[in-house]
Amino acid sequence: MSAHSHGQLHGPPHVTATGKHRKKLILVVAITLGVVVVQVIGAALSGSLSLLADAGHMLSDAAGVSIALLAAWIATRPATARSTYGYQRAEVLAALANAMILMVIAVVIFIEAIRRFGTTPEVRTDIMLIAAVVGAAANLACLLILRGGQKESLNLRGAYLEVLGDLLGSAAVIVAAVVIALTGYQQADTIASMLIALMIVPRAWSLLRDVINVLLESAPKGVDPEMIREHILGVRGVVDAHDIHAWTITSGVPVFSAHVVVENATLNAEGVDQILDRLTHCLSNHFDTEHCTFQLEPQEHAVHESRQHA
């Protein structure tokens, strides 16, 4: 005997966390692409590798956010008989692509920086500084736009981290320009580009790790299945709980299922309805999980159950 709570997952499409902030992402893409154009022109006129690296990083950010927007649109498509969860996990795949793009950009920048190390290319610091300041101002504006939603969605968090890295990258370019202008040490530009590459890696790894946790269907952050089990056991009429699973379809859509052994006296229409209400109320209130599936079992059913799961 089983039941879903608070609506079936194959009902109306769920508005994902990324979808709720789509306008913010569109604005960030527009700002970022504008700055990329400014920095590419600035890099061409000034000969600055660090400025070109920052432009490349920002271009990857714009591509990543565009992928997130496309995935958010795909995620709104309704579920089908074959795709019972719909296409909400497209957002997670977009975050994976975003992380991989960041890794590739970091490697390319670092290799180019090593290739140029030891040479002394002439850099026009005035153009370099102006383009870097424009980039820093734009990145700061994008951070403020994304700040409110970055805790709700992997894709928004990825975009937020990328923009934060861009801001640090622009700061590195500004410092390099000032050093070159004051001391004439041209290698400051190459060193700054290497720092930008190194800043990208940990952010890309953090995003990739979160994506892997979702794809491996690990328990959501802050959710302890054993603690949930204890709460379930505290529900009146429940004797035991096993085969407990908690995972995430996409950002903001946690899912839970469990086999719940109940007292035989409750196995009637009214008793089952009351227990299901108590269980779903417990999960939604304590663990912010609305998509729950419970299989209610009589005590005698235990001999038929496999103990392969928690």
Protein backbone atom coordinates (compact mmCIF):
# COMPACT_ATOMS: atom_id res chain seq x y z
CA MET A 1 0.00 0.00 0.00
CA SER A 2 1.68 3.20 -1.12
CA ALA A 3 0.89 6.83 -1.79
CA HIS A 4 2.41 10.10 -3.03
CA SER A 5 1.99 13.25 -1.04
CA HIS A 6 1.35 16.79 -2.25
CA GLY A 7 0.81 15.84 -5.88
CA GLN A 8 2.46 13.46 -8.29
CA LEU A 9 5.79 14.32 -9.86
CA HIS A 10 4.33 13.53 -13.26
CA GLY A 11 1.69 16.25 -12.89
CA PRO A 12 2.09 19.90 -13.89
CA PRO A 13 5.72 20.94 -14.53
CA HIS A 14 7.53 22.11 -11.43
CA VAL A 15 9.06 25.59 -11.54
CA THR A 16 12.74 24.96 -10.83
CA ALA A 17 14.95 27.22 -8.79
CA THR A 18 16.76 28.42 -11.90
CA GLY A 19 13.48 29.10 -13.71
CA LYS A 20 12.34 31.43 -10.94
CA HIS A 21 15.37 33.67 -11.55
CA ARG A 22 15.49 33.53 -15.35
CA LYS A 23 15.23 37.31 -15.81
CA LYS A 24 18.24 37.81 -13.56
CA LEU A 25 20.27 35.34 -15.62
CA ILE A 26 19.30 37.04 -18.89
CA LEU A 27 20.43 40.41 -17.51
CA VAL A 28 23.73 38.91 -16.34
CA VAL A 29 24.37 37.37 -19.78
CA ALA A 30 23.73 40.73 -21.49
CA ILE A 31 26.08 42.60 -19.14
CA THR A 32 28.76 39.92 -19.39
CA LEU A 33 28.75 39.79 -23.20
CA GLY A 34 29.04 43.57 -23.34
CA VAL A 35 32.11 43.49 -21.07
CA VAL A 36 33.65 40.64 -23.11
CA VAL A 37 33.56 42.85 -26.20
CA VAL A 38 35.21 45.71 -24.28
CA GLN A 39 37.92 43.45 -22.85
CA VAL A 40 38.72 41.69 -26.14
CA ILE A 41 39.16 45.05 -27.84
CA GLY A 42 41.21 46.25 -24.88
CA ALA A 43 43.40 43.13 -24.96
CA ALA A 44 44.00 43.54 -28.71
CA LEU A 45 44.99 47.20 -28.33
CA SER A 46 47.05 46.79 -25.16
CA GLY A 47 48.66 43.38 -25.77
CA SER A 48 47.62 42.19 -22.30
CA LEU A 49 47.31 38.41 -21.82
CA SER A 50 45.67 38.78 -18.42
CA LEU A 51 42.97 41.00 -19.92
CA LEU A 52 42.40 38.44 -22.68
CA ALA A 53 42.27 35.69 -20.04
CA ASP A 54 39.67 37.63 -18.10
CA ALA A 55 37.67 38.14 -21.30
CA GLY A 56 37.86 34.41 -22.06
CA HIS A 57 36.72 33.59 -18.55
CA MET A 58 33.79 35.99 -18.83
CA LEU A 59 32.86 34.53 -22.23
CA SER A 60 32.78 31.06 -20.65
CA ASP A 61 30.55 32.51 -17.93
CA ALA A 62 28.14 33.89 -20.52
CA ALA A 63 28.10 30.51 -22.29
CA GLY A 64 27.52 28.71 -19.00
CA VAL A 65 24.63 30.97 -17.99
CA SER A 66 23.12 30.63 -21.47
CA ILE A 67 23.27 26.85 -21.07
CA ALA A 68 21.56 27.22 -17.68
CA LEU A 69 18.80 29.32 -19.25
CA LEU A 70 18.26 26.76 -22.00
CA ALA A 71 18.16 23.97 -19.40
CA ALA A 72 15.66 25.93 -17.28
CA TRP A 73 13.38 26.18 -20.31
CA ILE A 74 13.78 22.47 -21.08
CA ALA A 75 13.00 21.67 -17.43
CA THR A 76 9.52 23.25 -17.78
CA ARG A 77 8.49 20.68 -20.38
CA PRO A 78 5.81 18.36 -18.98
CA ALA A 79 6.58 14.81 -17.90
CA THR A 80 5.66 11.92 -20.17
CA ALA A 81 4.88 8.25 -19.68
CA ARG A 82 8.56 7.46 -20.28
CA SER A 83 10.12 10.52 -18.63
CA THR A 84 8.11 10.37 -15.43
CA TYR A 85 10.20 13.05 -13.70
CA GLY A 86 10.03 15.33 -16.70
CA TYR A 87 13.21 17.11 -17.82
CA GLN A 88 14.11 18.92 -14.62
CA ARG A 89 17.50 17.24 -14.40
CA ALA A 90 18.53 19.10 -17.55
CA GLU A 91 19.54 21.90 -15.17
CA VAL A 92 22.01 19.59 -13.45
CA LEU A 93 23.49 18.52 -16.78
CA ALA A 94 23.85 22.21 -17.68
CA ALA A 95 25.73 22.80 -14.44
CA LEU A 96 28.00 19.87 -15.35
CA ALA A 97 28.74 21.42 -18.75
CA ASN A 98 29.40 24.74 -17.02
CA ALA A 99 31.95 23.16 -14.69
CA MET A 100 33.73 21.43 -17.58
CA ILE A 101 33.90 24.67 -19.58
CA LEU A 102 35.54 26.37 -16.61
CA MET A 103 38.14 23.61 -16.35
CA VAL A 104 39.03 23.85 -20.05
CA ILE A 105 39.33 27.65 -19.90
CA ALA A 106 41.65 27.39 -16.87
CA VAL A 107 43.95 24.91 -18.63
CA VAL A 108 44.12 26.97 -21.85
CA ILE A 109 44.93 30.18 -19.97
CA PHE A 110 47.61 28.50 -17.87
CA ILE A 111 49.32 26.90 -20.89
CA GLU A 112 49.39 30.23 -22.75
CA ALA A 113 50.78 31.98 -19.68
CA ILE A 114 53.60 29.43 -19.39
CA ARG A 115 54.35 29.81 -23.12
CA ARG A 116 54.68 33.57 -22.74
CA PHE A 117 56.68 33.43 -19.52
CA GLY A 118 60.19 34.74 -20.04
CA THR A 119 59.23 36.97 -22.95
CA THR A 120 58.77 40.68 -22.48
CA PRO A 121 55.78 41.81 -24.57
CA GLU A 122 55.06 45.51 -24.38
CA VAL A 123 51.74 46.23 -22.68
CA ARG A 124 49.78 49.51 -22.87
CA THR A 125 48.70 49.90 -19.29
CA ASP A 126 46.27 52.78 -19.86
CA ILE A 127 43.97 50.74 -22.12
CA MET A 128 44.51 47.66 -19.95
CA LEU A 129 43.49 49.53 -16.80
CA ILE A 130 40.38 51.13 -18.31
CA ALA A 131 39.08 47.79 -19.65
CA ALA A 132 39.79 46.05 -16.33
CA VAL A 133 37.94 48.72 -14.33
CA VAL A 134 34.93 48.43 -16.66
CA GLY A 135 34.99 44.66 -16.15
CA ALA A 136 35.21 44.97 -12.36
CA ALA A 137 32.25 47.37 -12.24
CA ALA A 138 30.13 45.07 -14.43
CA ASN A 139 31.04 42.02 -12.34
CA LEU A 140 30.07 43.82 -9.15
CA ALA A 141 26.69 44.68 -10.67
CA CYS A 142 26.16 41.03 -11.71
CA LEU A 143 27.03 39.81 -8.21
CA LEU A 144 24.36 42.04 -6.74
CA ILE A 145 21.83 40.75 -9.27
CA LEU A 146 22.57 37.07 -8.53
CA ARG A 147 23.11 37.28 -4.78
CA GLY A 148 19.49 36.63 -3.81
CA GLY A 149 19.07 33.39 -5.78
CA GLN A 150 22.47 31.73 -5.62
CA LYS A 151 21.53 29.62 -2.58
CA GLU A 152 18.49 28.13 -4.33
CA SER A 153 19.93 26.79 -7.59
CA LEU A 154 23.10 25.00 -8.68
CA ASN A 155 23.09 26.97 -11.92
CA LEU A 156 22.65 30.31 -10.17
CA ARG A 157 25.34 29.33 -7.70
CA GLY A 158 27.60 28.40 -10.60
CA ALA A 159 26.95 31.75 -12.27
CA TYR A 160 27.47 33.60 -8.98
CA LEU A 161 30.81 31.85 -8.36
CA GLU A 162 31.93 32.53 -11.90
CA VAL A 163 31.11 36.23 -11.64
CA LEU A 164 32.90 36.36 -8.28
CA GLY A 165 35.94 34.83 -9.96
CA ASP A 166 35.63 37.39 -12.75
CA LEU A 167 35.65 40.18 -10.19
CA LEU A 168 38.83 38.78 -8.63
CA GLY A 169 40.28 38.35 -12.11
CA SER A 170 39.54 41.97 -12.98
CA ALA A 171 41.17 42.99 -9.71
CA ALA A 172 44.28 40.98 -10.66
CA VAL A 173 44.40 42.74 -14.06
CA ILE A 174 44.07 46.14 -12.36
CA VAL A 175 46.93 45.33 -9.97
CA ALA A 176 49.08 44.08 -12.86
CA ALA A 177 48.42 47.26 -14.84
CA VAL A 178 49.38 49.44 -11.87
CA VAL A 179 52.57 47.40 -11.26
CA ILE A 180 53.62 47.66 -14.90
CA ALA A 181 52.87 51.39 -15.01
CA LEU A 182 54.85 52.08 -11.84
CA THR A 183 57.77 49.65 -12.22
CA GLY A 184 57.85 48.61 -15.87
CA TYR A 185 57.77 44.92 -14.85
CA GLN A 186 55.97 43.47 -17.89
CA GLN A 187 55.80 39.93 -16.49
CA ALA A 188 53.18 41.13 -14.02
CA ASP A 189 50.67 40.69 -16.84
CA THR A 190 51.64 37.03 -17.35
CA ILE A 191 51.59 36.35 -13.61
CA ALA A 192 48.12 37.87 -13.34
CA SER A 193 46.83 35.63 -16.13
CA MET A 194 48.20 32.57 -14.31
CA LEU A 195 46.48 33.68 -11.10
CA ILE A 196 43.19 34.02 -12.98
CA ALA A 197 43.57 30.44 -14.24
CA LEU A 198 44.32 29.18 -10.73
CA MET A 199 41.28 30.99 -9.31
CA ILE A 200 38.98 29.24 -11.76
CA VAL A 201 39.91 25.67 -10.76
CA PRO A 202 38.58 25.47 -7.16
CA ARG A 203 35.27 27.09 -8.16
CA ALA A 204 34.86 24.67 -11.06
CA TRP A 205 35.67 21.74 -8.76
CA SER A 206 33.15 22.89 -6.13
CA LEU A 207 30.39 23.08 -8.72
CA LEU A 208 31.40 19.74 -10.25
CA ARG A 209 31.32 18.06 -6.83
CA ASP A 210 27.78 19.28 -6.17
CA VAL A 211 26.65 18.10 -9.60
CA ILE A 212 28.17 14.66 -9.00
CA ASN A 213 26.33 14.40 -5.68
CA VAL A 214 23.03 15.05 -7.46
CA LEU A 215 23.76 12.61 -10.30
CA LEU A 216 24.79 9.93 -7.80
CA GLU A 217 21.50 10.59 -5.98
CA SER A 218 23.22 11.32 -2.68
CA ALA A 219 21.14 12.72 0.15
CA PRO A 220 20.57 16.49 -0.23
CA LYS A 221 22.73 18.82 1.84
CA GLY A 222 21.43 19.14 5.37
CA VAL A 223 19.28 16.03 5.09
CA ASP A 224 20.16 13.11 7.39
CA PRO A 225 18.15 9.98 6.44
CA GLU A 226 18.66 8.53 9.91
CA MET A 227 17.20 11.66 11.49
CA ILE A 228 14.23 11.41 9.11
CA ARG A 229 13.77 7.80 10.18
CA GLU A 230 13.63 8.88 13.82
CA HIS A 231 10.95 11.45 12.97
CA ILE A 232 8.93 8.82 11.09
CA LEU A 233 9.16 6.45 14.05
CA GLY A 234 7.71 9.22 16.20
CA VAL A 235 4.50 9.31 14.17
CA ARG A 236 1.59 7.68 15.97
CA GLY A 237 0.75 4.28 14.50
CA VAL A 238 4.22 3.67 12.98
CA VAL A 239 6.17 0.61 14.13
CA ASP A 240 9.27 0.70 11.91
CA ALA A 241 10.73 2.28 8.76
CA HIS A 242 13.22 0.94 6.24
CA ASP A 243 14.34 1.27 2.60
CA ILE A 244 14.72 5.00 3.22
CA HIS A 245 15.93 7.06 0.27
CA ALA A 246 16.46 10.81 -0.07
CA TRP A 247 17.79 12.38 -3.26
CA THR A 248 17.49 15.45 -5.48
CA ILE A 249 15.93 15.69 -8.94
CA THR A 250 17.33 19.18 -9.49
CA SER A 251 18.04 22.25 -7.39
CA GLY A 252 15.13 22.93 -5.06
CA VAL A 253 13.36 19.62 -5.79
CA PRO A 254 14.28 17.09 -3.06
CA VAL A 255 12.52 13.71 -3.12
CA PHE A 256 11.99 11.08 -0.40
CA SER A 257 10.68 7.53 -0.23
CA ALA A 258 10.39 4.91 2.51
CA HIS A 259 8.73 1.66 3.50
CA VAL A 260 6.78 2.27 6.70
CA VAL A 261 5.58 -0.57 8.91
CA VAL A 262 2.37 0.38 10.71
CA GLU A 263 0.15 -1.15 13.36
CA ASN A 264 -2.33 -3.61 11.90
CA ALA A 265 -5.20 -1.76 13.56
CA THR A 266 -4.55 1.27 11.33
CA LEU A 267 -4.80 -0.65 8.05
CA ASN A 268 -8.19 0.64 7.08
CA ALA A 269 -9.16 3.56 4.84
CA GLU A 270 -9.43 6.06 7.66
CA GLY A 271 -6.32 4.88 9.51
CA VAL A 272 -4.14 4.84 6.38
CA ASP A 273 -5.30 8.33 5.42
CA GLN A 274 -4.44 9.68 8.88
CA ILE A 275 -0.98 8.11 8.94
CA LEU A 276 -0.15 9.42 5.45
CA ASP A 277 -1.23 12.91 6.50
CA ARG A 278 1.00 12.73 9.60
CA LEU A 279 3.96 11.44 7.62
CA THR A 280 3.75 14.04 4.84
CA HIS A 281 3.19 16.81 7.40
CA CYS A 282 6.32 15.67 9.25
CA LEU A 283 8.49 15.58 6.12
CA SER A 284 7.30 18.89 4.67
CA ASN A 285 7.60 20.77 7.97
CA HIS A 286 10.88 19.40 9.29
CA PHE A 287 12.81 18.67 6.09
CA ASP A 288 11.18 20.88 3.42
CA THR A 289 10.44 17.80 1.31
CA GLU A 290 7.06 17.81 -0.39
CA HIS A 291 7.57 14.97 -2.90
CA CYS A 292 7.29 11.94 -0.62
CA THR A 293 6.36 8.35 -1.39
CA PHE A 294 5.47 5.98 1.46
CA GLN A 295 4.81 2.29 1.16
CA LEU A 296 2.70 1.28 4.16
CA GLU A 297 3.13 -2.32 5.29
CA PRO A 298 1.60 -4.54 7.97
CA GLN A 299 3.96 -5.93 10.59
CA GLU A 300 3.76 -9.46 9.14
CA HIS A 301 5.16 -8.22 5.81
CA ALA A 302 8.68 -7.87 7.23
CA VAL A 303 9.58 -11.48 6.32
CA HIS A 304 9.10 -10.63 2.63
CA GLU A 305 11.30 -7.54 2.68
CA SER A 306 14.91 -7.41 1.46
CA ARG A 307 17.32 -5.71 3.85
CA GLN A 308 19.63 -4.40 1.13
CA HIS A 309 18.77 -0.80 1.84
CA ALA A 310 18.70 1.47 4.86
